[in-house]
Amino acid sequence: MSLICARPFLFDISLALEWVHVLKNAHTTPLVALTAAPPLRLDMESPAVRIARERLKSAGATLWRHQITHRLAYPELIHRGMTIADLSAGAPARTDYERLWSAICRWKR
């Protein structure tokens, strides 16, 4: 298994599609996780995320069903010398990464 992280924008998705192709040719299953994604609004994905998912899915990529949302907490954590794990349990920024890690652990089995 290989993890491809990509922002849901044209340049990143184009590169992710290339990596999907390369990894499939190497007989490795790639999992694509969208990162730095615009937040959900009224439980709906942004148009950029929706289009990115459609492009990746049409290319046969395996997609993580959640996203790492762009949050101002990330640069603040770095500034303070902290990590996501330093956030309280249930903090949205921490939850994003816990979901991704959980998906990776389940997928490896």
PDB file of N, CA and C in Angstrom:
ATOM      1  N   MET A   1       0.833  -1.166   0.000  1.00  0.00           N
ATOM      2  CA  MET A   1       0.000   0.000   0.000  1.00  0.00           C
ATOM      3  C   MET A   1       0.883   1.237   0.000  1.00  0.00           C
ATOM      4  N   SER A   2       0.458   2.231  -0.765  1.00  0.00           N
ATOM      5  CA  SER A   2       1.143   3.513  -0.787  1.00  0.00           C
ATOM      6  C   SER A   2       0.115   4.612  -0.582  1.00  0.00           C
ATOM      7  N   LEU A   3       0.497   5.614   0.175  1.00  0.00           N
ATOM      8  CA  LEU A   3      -0.383   6.738   0.448  1.00  0.00           C
ATOM      9  C   LEU A   3       0.031   7.925  -0.417  1.00  0.00           C
ATOM     10  N   ILE A   4      -0.920   8.459  -1.143  1.00  0.00           N
ATOM     11  CA  ILE A   4      -0.694   9.664  -1.941  1.00  0.00           C
ATOM     12  C   ILE A   4      -1.518  10.769  -1.306  1.00  0.00           C
ATOM     13  N   CYS A   5      -0.860  11.822  -0.876  1.00  0.00           N
ATOM     14  CA  CYS A   5      -1.551  12.988  -0.318  1.00  0.00           C
ATOM     15  C   CYS A   5      -1.568  14.081  -1.374  1.00  0.00           C
ATOM     16  N   ALA A   6      -2.736  14.646  -1.596  1.00  0.00           N
ATOM     17  CA  ALA A   6      -2.857  15.681  -2.626  1.00  0.00           C
ATOM     18  C   ALA A   6      -3.897  16.707  -2.209  1.00  0.00           C
ATOM     19  N   ARG A   7      -3.600  17.950  -2.523  1.00  0.00           N
ATOM     20  CA  ARG A   7      -4.609  18.993  -2.337  1.00  0.00           C
ATOM     21  C   ARG A   7      -5.607  18.876  -3.484  1.00  0.00           C
ATOM     22  N   PRO A   8      -6.850  19.283  -3.260  1.00  0.00           N
ATOM     23  CA  PRO A   8      -7.873  19.088  -4.297  1.00  0.00           C
ATOM     24  C   PRO A   8      -7.851  20.172  -5.378  1.00  0.00           C
ATOM     25  N   PHE A   9      -6.683  20.397  -5.940  1.00  0.00           N
ATOM     26  CA  PHE A   9      -6.539  21.428  -6.957  1.00  0.00           C
ATOM     27  C   PHE A   9      -5.835  20.841  -8.174  1.00  0.00           C
ATOM     28  N   LEU A  10      -6.010  21.440  -9.309  1.00  0.00           N
ATOM     29  CA  LEU A  10      -5.602  20.889 -10.599  1.00  0.00           C
ATOM     30  C   LEU A  10      -4.182  20.336 -10.609  1.00  0.00           C
ATOM     31  N   PHE A  11      -3.197  21.114 -10.197  1.00  0.00           N
ATOM     32  CA  PHE A  11      -1.806  20.671 -10.254  1.00  0.00           C
ATOM     33  C   PHE A  11      -1.592  19.430  -9.399  1.00  0.00           C
ATOM     34  N   ASP A  12      -2.063  19.466  -8.142  1.00  0.00           N
ATOM     35  CA  ASP A  12      -1.870  18.334  -7.239  1.00  0.00           C
ATOM     36  C   ASP A  12      -2.593  17.085  -7.737  1.00  0.00           C
ATOM     37  N   ILE A  13      -3.794  17.242  -8.235  1.00  0.00           N
ATOM     38  CA  ILE A  13      -4.550  16.092  -8.712  1.00  0.00           C
ATOM     39  C   ILE A  13      -3.891  15.493  -9.947  1.00  0.00           C
ATOM     40  N   SER A  14      -3.364  16.340 -10.810  1.00  0.00           N
ATOM     41  CA  SER A  14      -2.647  15.832 -11.985  1.00  0.00           C
ATOM     42  C   SER A  14      -1.452  14.986 -11.564  1.00  0.00           C
ATOM     43  N   LEU A  15      -0.698  15.455 -10.569  1.00  0.00           N
ATOM     44  CA  LEU A  15       0.436  14.672 -10.060  1.00  0.00           C
ATOM     45  C   LEU A  15      -0.031  13.393  -9.368  1.00  0.00           C
ATOM     46  N   ALA A  16      -1.105  13.494  -8.608  1.00  0.00           N
ATOM     47  CA  ALA A  16      -1.640  12.299  -7.938  1.00  0.00           C
ATOM     48  C   ALA A  16      -2.043  11.250  -8.965  1.00  0.00           C
ATOM     49  N   LEU A  17      -2.648  11.685 -10.061  1.00  0.00           N
ATOM     50  CA  LEU A  17      -3.043  10.746 -11.111  1.00  0.00           C
ATOM     51  C   LEU A  17      -1.825  10.052 -11.716  1.00  0.00           C
ATOM     52  N   GLU A  18      -0.745  10.795 -11.890  1.00  0.00           N
ATOM     53  CA  GLU A  18       0.494  10.191 -12.385  1.00  0.00           C
ATOM     54  C   GLU A  18       1.009   9.134 -11.408  1.00  0.00           C
ATOM     55  N   TRP A  19       0.987   9.470 -10.115  1.00  0.00           N
ATOM     56  CA  TRP A  19       1.454   8.523  -9.104  1.00  0.00           C
ATOM     57  C   TRP A  19       0.565   7.294  -9.036  1.00  0.00           C
ATOM     58  N   VAL A  20      -0.736   7.475  -9.171  1.00  0.00           N
ATOM     59  CA  VAL A  20      -1.645   6.325  -9.193  1.00  0.00           C
ATOM     60  C   VAL A  20      -1.233   5.376 -10.309  1.00  0.00           C
ATOM     61  N   HIS A  21      -0.975   5.934 -11.476  1.00  0.00           N
ATOM     62  CA  HIS A  21      -0.569   5.120 -12.629  1.00  0.00           C
ATOM     63  C   HIS A  21       0.753   4.390 -12.355  1.00  0.00           C
ATOM     64  N   VAL A  22       1.744   5.110 -11.847  1.00  0.00           N
ATOM     65  CA  VAL A  22       3.053   4.519 -11.569  1.00  0.00           C
ATOM     66  C   VAL A  22       2.930   3.397 -10.541  1.00  0.00           C
ATOM     67  N   LEU A  23       2.192   3.649  -9.479  1.00  0.00           N
ATOM     68  CA  LEU A  23       2.075   2.649  -8.415  1.00  0.00           C
ATOM     69  C   LEU A  23       1.281   1.426  -8.847  1.00  0.00           C
ATOM     70  N   LYS A  24       0.247   1.639  -9.653  1.00  0.00           N
ATOM     71  CA  LYS A  24      -0.504   0.486 -10.156  1.00  0.00           C
ATOM     72  C   LYS A  24       0.377  -0.373 -11.059  1.00  0.00           C
ATOM     73  N   ASN A  25       1.217   0.262 -11.865  1.00  0.00           N
ATOM     74  CA  ASN A  25       2.151  -0.489 -12.717  1.00  0.00           C
ATOM     75  C   ASN A  25       3.174  -1.257 -11.890  1.00  0.00           C
ATOM     76  N   ALA A  26       3.438  -0.786 -10.674  1.00  0.00           N
ATOM     77  CA  ALA A  26       4.373  -1.464  -9.775  1.00  0.00           C
ATOM     78  C   ALA A  26       3.644  -2.473  -8.885  1.00  0.00           C
ATOM     79  N   HIS A  27       2.378  -2.731  -9.198  1.00  0.00           N
ATOM     80  CA  HIS A  27       1.555  -3.695  -8.457  1.00  0.00           C
ATOM     81  C   HIS A  27       1.392  -3.313  -6.989  1.00  0.00           C
ATOM     82  N   THR A  28       1.280  -2.015  -6.745  1.00  0.00           N
ATOM     83  CA  THR A  28       1.023  -1.478  -5.415  1.00  0.00           C
ATOM     84  C   THR A  28      -0.305  -0.745  -5.459  1.00  0.00           C
ATOM     85  N   THR A  29      -1.108  -0.922  -4.433  1.00  0.00           N
ATOM     86  CA  THR A  29      -2.401  -0.240  -4.389  1.00  0.00           C
ATOM     87  C   THR A  29      -2.231   1.125  -3.743  1.00  0.00           C
ATOM     88  N   PRO A  30      -2.502   2.198  -4.484  1.00  0.00           N
ATOM     89  CA  PRO A  30      -2.383   3.532  -3.899  1.00  0.00           C
ATOM     90  C   PRO A  30      -3.697   3.981  -3.242  1.00  0.00           C
ATOM     91  N   LEU A  31      -3.563   4.585  -2.079  1.00  0.00           N
ATOM     92  CA  LEU A  31      -4.690   5.224  -1.404  1.00  0.00           C
ATOM     93  C   LEU A  31      -4.467   6.723  -1.493  1.00  0.00           C
ATOM     94  N   VAL A  32      -5.434   7.450  -2.032  1.00  0.00           N
ATOM     95  CA  VAL A  32      -5.313   8.904  -2.176  1.00  0.00           C
ATOM     96  C   VAL A  32      -6.102   9.587  -1.069  1.00  0.00           C
ATOM     97  N   ALA A  33      -5.419  10.457  -0.339  1.00  0.00           N
ATOM     98  CA  ALA A  33      -6.048  11.250   0.714  1.00  0.00           C
ATOM     99  C   ALA A  33      -5.973  12.712   0.301  1.00  0.00           C
ATOM    100  N   LEU A  34      -7.107  13.375   0.315  1.00  0.00           N
ATOM    101  CA  LEU A  34      -7.127  14.800  -0.005  1.00  0.00           C
ATOM    102  C   LEU A  34      -6.774  15.594   1.246  1.00  0.00           C
ATOM    103  N   THR A  35      -5.801  16.500   1.086  1.00  0.00           N
ATOM    104  CA  THR A  35      -5.322  17.312   2.203  1.00  0.00           C
ATOM    105  C   THR A  35      -5.482  18.791   1.862  1.00  0.00           C
ATOM    106  N   ALA A  36      -5.382  19.624   2.890  1.00  0.00           N
ATOM    107  CA  ALA A  36      -5.537  21.073   2.723  1.00  0.00           C
ATOM    108  C   ALA A  36      -6.824  21.402   1.979  1.00  0.00           C
ATOM    109  N   ALA A  37      -7.841  20.620   2.247  1.00  0.00           N
ATOM    110  CA  ALA A  37      -9.117  20.760   1.547  1.00  0.00           C
ATOM    111  C   ALA A  37      -9.980  21.837   2.198  1.00  0.00           C
ATOM    112  N   PRO A  38     -10.765  22.534   1.387  1.00  0.00           N
ATOM    113  CA  PRO A  38     -11.707  23.488   1.968  1.00  0.00           C
ATOM    114  C   PRO A  38     -12.663  22.758   2.915  1.00  0.00           C
ATOM    115  N   PRO A  39     -13.104  23.430   3.974  1.00  0.00           N
ATOM    116  CA  PRO A  39     -13.977  22.768   4.944  1.00  0.00           C
ATOM    117  C   PRO A  39     -15.346  22.425   4.369  1.00  0.00           C
ATOM    118  N   LEU A  40     -15.958  21.438   4.992  1.00  0.00           N
ATOM    119  CA  LEU A  40     -17.334  21.092   4.634  1.00  0.00           C
ATOM    120  C   LEU A  40     -18.247  22.254   5.027  1.00  0.00           C
ATOM    121  N   ARG A  41     -19.240  22.506   4.213  1.00  0.00           N
ATOM    122  CA  ARG A  41     -20.250  23.515   4.522  1.00  0.00           C
ATOM    123  C   ARG A  41     -21.604  22.844   4.459  1.00  0.00           C
ATOM    124  N   LEU A  42     -22.336  22.882   5.566  1.00  0.00           N
ATOM    125  CA  LEU A  42     -23.629  22.207   5.648  1.00  0.00           C
ATOM    126  C   LEU A  42     -23.488  20.737   5.263  1.00  0.00           C
ATOM    127  N   ASP A  43     -22.397  20.112   5.748  1.00  0.00           N
ATOM    128  CA  ASP A  43     -22.084  18.699   5.481  1.00  0.00           C
ATOM    129  C   ASP A  43     -21.907  18.385   4.000  1.00  0.00           C
ATOM    130  N   MET A  44     -21.527  19.384   3.205  1.00  0.00           N
ATOM    131  CA  MET A  44     -21.291  19.170   1.770  1.00  0.00           C
ATOM    132  C   MET A  44     -19.853  19.547   1.433  1.00  0.00           C
ATOM    133  N   GLU A  45     -19.267  18.764   0.529  1.00  0.00           N
ATOM    134  CA  GLU A  45     -17.913  19.062   0.071  1.00  0.00           C
ATOM    135  C   GLU A  45     -17.920  20.274  -0.841  1.00  0.00           C
ATOM    136  N   SER A  46     -16.781  20.941  -0.879  1.00  0.00           N
ATOM    137  CA  SER A  46     -16.646  22.081  -1.789  1.00  0.00           C
ATOM    138  C   SER A  46     -16.591  21.569  -3.228  1.00  0.00           C
ATOM    139  N   PRO A  47     -16.891  22.430  -4.188  1.00  0.00           N
ATOM    140  CA  PRO A  47     -16.792  22.003  -5.589  1.00  0.00           C
ATOM    141  C   PRO A  47     -15.391  21.488  -5.948  1.00  0.00           C
ATOM    142  N   ALA A  48     -14.345  22.103  -5.409  1.00  0.00           N
ATOM    143  CA  ALA A  48     -12.981  21.654  -5.716  1.00  0.00           C
ATOM    144  C   ALA A  48     -12.763  20.219  -5.252  1.00  0.00           C
ATOM    145  N   VAL A  49     -13.249  19.881  -4.078  1.00  0.00           N
ATOM    146  CA  VAL A  49     -13.092  18.522  -3.547  1.00  0.00           C
ATOM    147  C   VAL A  49     -13.928  17.546  -4.372  1.00  0.00           C
ATOM    148  N   ARG A  50     -15.137  17.929  -4.679  1.00  0.00           N
ATOM    149  CA  ARG A  50     -16.016  17.058  -5.464  1.00  0.00           C
ATOM    150  C   ARG A  50     -15.409  16.750  -6.834  1.00  0.00           C
ATOM    151  N   ILE A  51     -14.898  17.767  -7.511  1.00  0.00           N
ATOM    152  CA  ILE A  51     -14.290  17.578  -8.836  1.00  0.00           C
ATOM    153  C   ILE A  51     -13.028  16.714  -8.724  1.00  0.00           C
ATOM    154  N   ALA A  52     -12.221  16.968  -7.691  1.00  0.00           N
ATOM    155  CA  ALA A  52     -11.000  16.176  -7.495  1.00  0.00           C
ATOM    156  C   ALA A  52     -11.348  14.712  -7.288  1.00  0.00           C
ATOM    157  N   ARG A  53     -12.339  14.447  -6.464  1.00  0.00           N
ATOM    158  CA  ARG A  53     -12.755  13.059  -6.221  1.00  0.00           C
ATOM    159  C   ARG A  53     -13.242  12.394  -7.512  1.00  0.00           C
ATOM    160  N   GLU A  54     -14.005  13.125  -8.304  1.00  0.00           N
ATOM    161  CA  GLU A  54     -14.513  12.576  -9.568  1.00  0.00           C
ATOM    162  C   GLU A  54     -13.369  12.220 -10.507  1.00  0.00           C
ATOM    163  N   ARG A  55     -12.385  13.115 -10.627  1.00  0.00           N
ATOM    164  CA  ARG A  55     -11.241  12.845 -11.509  1.00  0.00           C
ATOM    165  C   ARG A  55     -10.451  11.635 -11.040  1.00  0.00           C
ATOM    166  N   LEU A  56     -10.197  11.569  -9.742  1.00  0.00           N
ATOM    167  CA  LEU A  56      -9.426  10.456  -9.198  1.00  0.00           C
ATOM    168  C   LEU A  56     -10.190   9.143  -9.331  1.00  0.00           C
ATOM    169  N   LYS A  57     -11.469   9.174  -9.044  1.00  0.00           N
ATOM    170  CA  LYS A  57     -12.278   7.957  -9.135  1.00  0.00           C
ATOM    171  C   LYS A  57     -12.349   7.454 -10.572  1.00  0.00           C
ATOM    172  N   SER A  58     -12.494   8.375 -11.531  1.00  0.00           N
ATOM    173  CA  SER A  58     -12.574   7.965 -12.937  1.00  0.00           C
ATOM    174  C   SER A  58     -11.254   7.346 -13.417  1.00  0.00           C
ATOM    175  N   ALA A  59     -10.162   7.669 -12.738  1.00  0.00           N
ATOM    176  CA  ALA A  59      -8.856   7.090 -13.090  1.00  0.00           C
ATOM    177  C   ALA A  59      -8.606   5.782 -12.349  1.00  0.00           C
ATOM    178  N   GLY A  60      -9.570   5.358 -11.546  1.00  0.00           N
ATOM    179  CA  GLY A  60      -9.431   4.097 -10.835  1.00  0.00           C
ATOM    180  C   GLY A  60      -8.685   4.188  -9.523  1.00  0.00           C
ATOM    181  N   ALA A  61      -8.533   5.390  -8.995  1.00  0.00           N
ATOM    182  CA  ALA A  61      -7.830   5.556  -7.723  1.00  0.00           C
ATOM    183  C   ALA A  61      -8.718   5.113  -6.566  1.00  0.00           C
ATOM    184  N   THR A  62      -8.082   4.602  -5.525  1.00  0.00           N
ATOM    185  CA  THR A  62      -8.787   4.296  -4.289  1.00  0.00           C
ATOM    186  C   THR A  62      -8.723   5.546  -3.427  1.00  0.00           C
ATOM    187  N   LEU A  63      -9.881   6.055  -3.060  1.00  0.00           N
ATOM    188  CA  LEU A  63      -9.954   7.322  -2.336  1.00  0.00           C
ATOM    189  C   LEU A  63     -10.317   7.113  -0.873  1.00  0.00           C
ATOM    190  N   TRP A  64      -9.657   7.871  -0.014  1.00  0.00           N
ATOM    191  CA  TRP A  64     -10.063   7.930   1.387  1.00  0.00           C
ATOM    192  C   TRP A  64     -11.344   8.744   1.426  1.00  0.00           C
ATOM    193  N   ARG A  65     -12.330   8.285   2.136  1.00  0.00           N
ATOM    194  CA  ARG A  65     -13.646   8.920   2.085  1.00  0.00           C
ATOM    195  C   ARG A  65     -13.736  10.222   2.869  1.00  0.00           C
ATOM    196  N   HIS A  66     -12.732  10.513   3.688  1.00  0.00           N
ATOM    197  CA  HIS A  66     -12.716  11.774   4.434  1.00  0.00           C
ATOM    198  C   HIS A  66     -11.685  12.707   3.808  1.00  0.00           C
ATOM    199  N   GLN A  67     -11.335  13.754   4.519  1.00  0.00           N
ATOM    200  CA  GLN A  67     -10.330  14.703   4.031  1.00  0.00           C
ATOM    201  C   GLN A  67      -9.587  15.297   5.215  1.00  0.00           C
ATOM    202  N   ILE A  68      -8.398  15.823   4.934  1.00  0.00           N
ATOM    203  CA  ILE A  68      -7.683  16.638   5.909  1.00  0.00           C
ATOM    204  C   ILE A  68      -8.044  18.079   5.550  1.00  0.00           C
ATOM    205  N   THR A  69      -8.807  18.704   6.407  1.00  0.00           N
ATOM    206  CA  THR A  69      -9.282  20.055   6.135  1.00  0.00           C
ATOM    207  C   THR A  69      -8.192  21.067   6.425  1.00  0.00           C
ATOM    208  N   HIS A  70      -8.098  22.082   5.585  1.00  0.00           N
ATOM    209  CA  HIS A  70      -7.159  23.177   5.813  1.00  0.00           C
ATOM    210  C   HIS A  70      -7.588  23.908   7.085  1.00  0.00           C
ATOM    211  N   ARG A  71      -6.690  24.006   8.042  1.00  0.00           N
ATOM    212  CA  ARG A  71      -7.010  24.650   9.319  1.00  0.00           C
ATOM    213  C   ARG A  71      -5.868  25.563   9.735  1.00  0.00           C
ATOM    214  N   LEU A  72      -6.225  26.662  10.360  1.00  0.00           N
ATOM    215  CA  LEU A  72      -5.218  27.595  10.860  1.00  0.00           C
ATOM    216  C   LEU A  72      -4.453  27.022  12.047  1.00  0.00           C
ATOM    217  N   ALA A  73      -4.970  25.968  12.637  1.00  0.00           N
ATOM    218  CA  ALA A  73      -4.298  25.344  13.788  1.00  0.00           C
ATOM    219  C   ALA A  73      -2.942  24.766  13.412  1.00  0.00           C
ATOM    220  N   TYR A  74      -2.773  24.296  12.183  1.00  0.00           N
ATOM    221  CA  TYR A  74      -1.528  23.620  11.809  1.00  0.00           C
ATOM    222  C   TYR A  74      -0.303  24.528  11.903  1.00  0.00           C
ATOM    223  N   PRO A  75      -0.294  25.707  11.271  1.00  0.00           N
ATOM    224  CA  PRO A  75       0.894  26.549  11.422  1.00  0.00           C
ATOM    225  C   PRO A  75       1.087  27.031  12.863  1.00  0.00           C
ATOM    226  N   GLU A  76       0.012  27.208  13.593  1.00  0.00           N
ATOM    227  CA  GLU A  76       0.120  27.624  15.000  1.00  0.00           C
ATOM    228  C   GLU A  76       0.786  26.531  15.837  1.00  0.00           C
ATOM    229  N   LEU A  77       0.432  25.285  15.567  1.00  0.00           N
ATOM    230  CA  LEU A  77       1.072  24.176  16.276  1.00  0.00           C
ATOM    231  C   LEU A  77       2.575  24.152  16.006  1.00  0.00           C
ATOM    232  N   ILE A  78       2.942  24.315  14.750  1.00  0.00           N
ATOM    233  CA  ILE A  78       4.359  24.315  14.385  1.00  0.00           C
ATOM    234  C   ILE A  78       5.080  25.454  15.101  1.00  0.00           C
ATOM    235  N   HIS A  79       4.469  26.628  15.109  1.00  0.00           N
ATOM    236  CA  HIS A  79       5.057  27.795  15.774  1.00  0.00           C
ATOM    237  C   HIS A  79       5.318  27.508  17.255  1.00  0.00           C
ATOM    238  N   ARG A  80       4.440  26.767  17.874  1.00  0.00           N
ATOM    239  CA  ARG A  80       4.562  26.458  19.308  1.00  0.00           C
ATOM    240  C   ARG A  80       5.387  25.197  19.580  1.00  0.00           C
ATOM    241  N   GLY A  81       5.873  24.554  18.520  1.00  0.00           N
ATOM    242  CA  GLY A  81       6.659  23.340  18.699  1.00  0.00           C
ATOM    243  C   GLY A  81       5.804  22.151  19.100  1.00  0.00           C
ATOM    244  N   MET A  82       4.561  22.152  18.676  1.00  0.00           N
ATOM    245  CA  MET A  82       3.619  21.097  19.033  1.00  0.00           C
ATOM    246  C   MET A  82       3.261  20.261  17.808  1.00  0.00           C
ATOM    247  N   THR A  83       2.531  19.194  18.047  1.00  0.00           N
ATOM    248  CA  THR A  83       2.036  18.345  16.971  1.00  0.00           C
ATOM    249  C   THR A  83       0.531  18.161  17.123  1.00  0.00           C
ATOM    250  N   ILE A  84      -0.059  17.510  16.152  1.00  0.00           N
ATOM    251  CA  ILE A  84      -1.490  17.210  16.192  1.00  0.00           C
ATOM    252  C   ILE A  84      -1.832  16.420  17.452  1.00  0.00           C
ATOM    253  N   ALA A  85      -0.938  15.530  17.858  1.00  0.00           N
ATOM    254  CA  ALA A  85      -1.182  14.700  19.035  1.00  0.00           C
ATOM    255  C   ALA A  85      -1.286  15.523  20.318  1.00  0.00           C
ATOM    256  N   ASP A  86      -0.765  16.750  20.297  1.00  0.00           N
ATOM    257  CA  ASP A  86      -0.846  17.613  21.473  1.00  0.00           C
ATOM    258  C   ASP A  86      -2.221  18.264  21.638  1.00  0.00           C
ATOM    259  N   LEU A  87      -3.030  18.199  20.615  1.00  0.00           N
ATOM    260  CA  LEU A  87      -4.378  18.760  20.709  1.00  0.00           C
ATOM    261  C   LEU A  87      -5.258  17.854  21.561  1.00  0.00           C
ATOM    262  N   SER A  88      -6.299  18.433  22.111  1.00  0.00           N
ATOM    263  CA  SER A  88      -7.206  17.636  22.930  1.00  0.00           C
ATOM    264  C   SER A  88      -7.953  16.634  22.052  1.00  0.00           C
ATOM    265  N   ALA A  89      -8.305  15.505  22.665  1.00  0.00           N
ATOM    266  CA  ALA A  89      -9.087  14.492  21.952  1.00  0.00           C
ATOM    267  C   ALA A  89     -10.393  15.129  21.496  1.00  0.00           C
ATOM    268  N   GLY A  90     -10.769  14.863  20.270  1.00  0.00           N
ATOM    269  CA  GLY A  90     -11.999  15.432  19.737  1.00  0.00           C
ATOM    270  C   GLY A  90     -11.806  16.753  19.018  1.00  0.00           C
ATOM    271  N   ALA A  91     -10.601  17.329  19.085  1.00  0.00           N
ATOM    272  CA  ALA A  91     -10.334  18.558  18.333  1.00  0.00           C
ATOM    273  C   ALA A  91     -10.434  18.230  16.847  1.00  0.00           C
ATOM    274  N   PRO A  92     -11.130  19.039  16.059  1.00  0.00           N
ATOM    275  CA  PRO A  92     -11.319  18.711  14.639  1.00  0.00           C
ATOM    276  C   PRO A  92     -10.017  18.432  13.884  1.00  0.00           C
ATOM    277  N   ALA A  93      -8.977  19.210  14.134  1.00  0.00           N
ATOM    278  CA  ALA A  93      -7.706  18.994  13.429  1.00  0.00           C
ATOM    279  C   ALA A  93      -7.113  17.630  13.783  1.00  0.00           C
ATOM    280  N   ARG A  94      -7.213  17.256  15.037  1.00  0.00           N
ATOM    281  CA  ARG A  94      -6.695  15.952  15.464  1.00  0.00           C
ATOM    282  C   ARG A  94      -7.553  14.823  14.901  1.00  0.00           C
ATOM    283  N   THR A  95      -8.853  15.019  14.894  1.00  0.00           N
ATOM    284  CA  THR A  95      -9.775  14.000  14.395  1.00  0.00           C
ATOM    285  C   THR A  95      -9.506  13.668  12.934  1.00  0.00           C
ATOM    286  N   ASP A  96      -9.186  14.681  12.121  1.00  0.00           N
ATOM    287  CA  ASP A  96      -8.869  14.426  10.707  1.00  0.00           C
ATOM    288  C   ASP A  96      -7.746  13.402  10.580  1.00  0.00           C
ATOM    289  N   TYR A  97      -6.669  13.631  11.322  1.00  0.00           N
ATOM    290  CA  TYR A  97      -5.509  12.743  11.223  1.00  0.00           C
ATOM    291  C   TYR A  97      -5.766  11.384  11.873  1.00  0.00           C
ATOM    292  N   GLU A  98      -6.545  11.355  12.943  1.00  0.00           N
ATOM    293  CA  GLU A  98      -6.891  10.071  13.548  1.00  0.00           C
ATOM    294  C   GLU A  98      -7.705   9.219  12.579  1.00  0.00           C
ATOM    295  N   ARG A  99      -8.611   9.846  11.850  1.00  0.00           N
ATOM    296  CA  ARG A  99      -9.395   9.115  10.845  1.00  0.00           C
ATOM    297  C   ARG A  99      -8.503   8.545   9.756  1.00  0.00           C
ATOM    298  N   LEU A 100      -7.547   9.364   9.293  1.00  0.00           N
ATOM    299  CA  LEU A 100      -6.642   8.886   8.250  1.00  0.00           C
ATOM    300  C   LEU A 100      -5.799   7.724   8.764  1.00  0.00           C
ATOM    301  N   TRP A 101      -5.241   7.862   9.957  1.00  0.00           N
ATOM    302  CA  TRP A 101      -4.410   6.792  10.514  1.00  0.00           C
ATOM    303  C   TRP A 101      -5.231   5.525  10.694  1.00  0.00           C
ATOM    304  N   SER A 102      -6.440   5.658  11.161  1.00  0.00           N
ATOM    305  CA  SER A 102      -7.323   4.515  11.342  1.00  0.00           C
ATOM    306  C   SER A 102      -7.597   3.819  10.004  1.00  0.00           C
ATOM    307  N   ALA A 103      -7.829   4.601   8.969  1.00  0.00           N
ATOM    308  CA  ALA A 103      -8.077   4.031   7.637  1.00  0.00           C
ATOM    309  C   ALA A 103      -6.844   3.287   7.124  1.00  0.00           C
ATOM    310  N   ILE A 104      -5.669   3.845   7.363  1.00  0.00           N
ATOM    311  CA  ILE A 104      -4.439   3.193   6.921  1.00  0.00           C
ATOM    312  C   ILE A 104      -4.253   1.870   7.675  1.00  0.00           C
ATOM    313  N   CYS A 105      -4.481   1.882   8.962  1.00  0.00           N
ATOM    314  CA  CYS A 105      -4.323   0.660   9.763  1.00  0.00           C
ATOM    315  C   CYS A 105      -5.315  -0.412   9.339  1.00  0.00           C
ATOM    316  N   ARG A 106      -6.563  -0.032   9.066  1.00  0.00           N
ATOM    317  CA  ARG A 106      -7.563  -1.003   8.620  1.00  0.00           C
ATOM    318  C   ARG A 106      -7.221  -1.534   7.241  1.00  0.00           C
ATOM    319  N   TRP A 107      -6.723  -0.664   6.375  1.00  0.00           N
ATOM    320  CA  TRP A 107      -6.454  -1.025   4.986  1.00  0.00           C
ATOM    321  C   TRP A 107      -5.279  -1.985   4.872  1.00  0.00           C
ATOM    322  N   LYS A 108      -4.332  -1.889   5.785  1.00  0.00           N
ATOM    323  CA  LYS A 108      -3.142  -2.742   5.749  1.00  0.00           C
ATOM    324  C   LYS A 108      -3.479  -4.203   5.994  1.00  0.00           C
ATOM    325  N   ARG A 109      -4.547  -4.478   6.677  1.00  0.00           N
ATOM    326  CA  ARG A 109      -4.887  -5.867   7.045  1.00  0.00           C
ATOM    327  C   ARG A 109      -5.268  -6.702   5.878  1.00  0.00           C
TER     328      ARG A 109
END
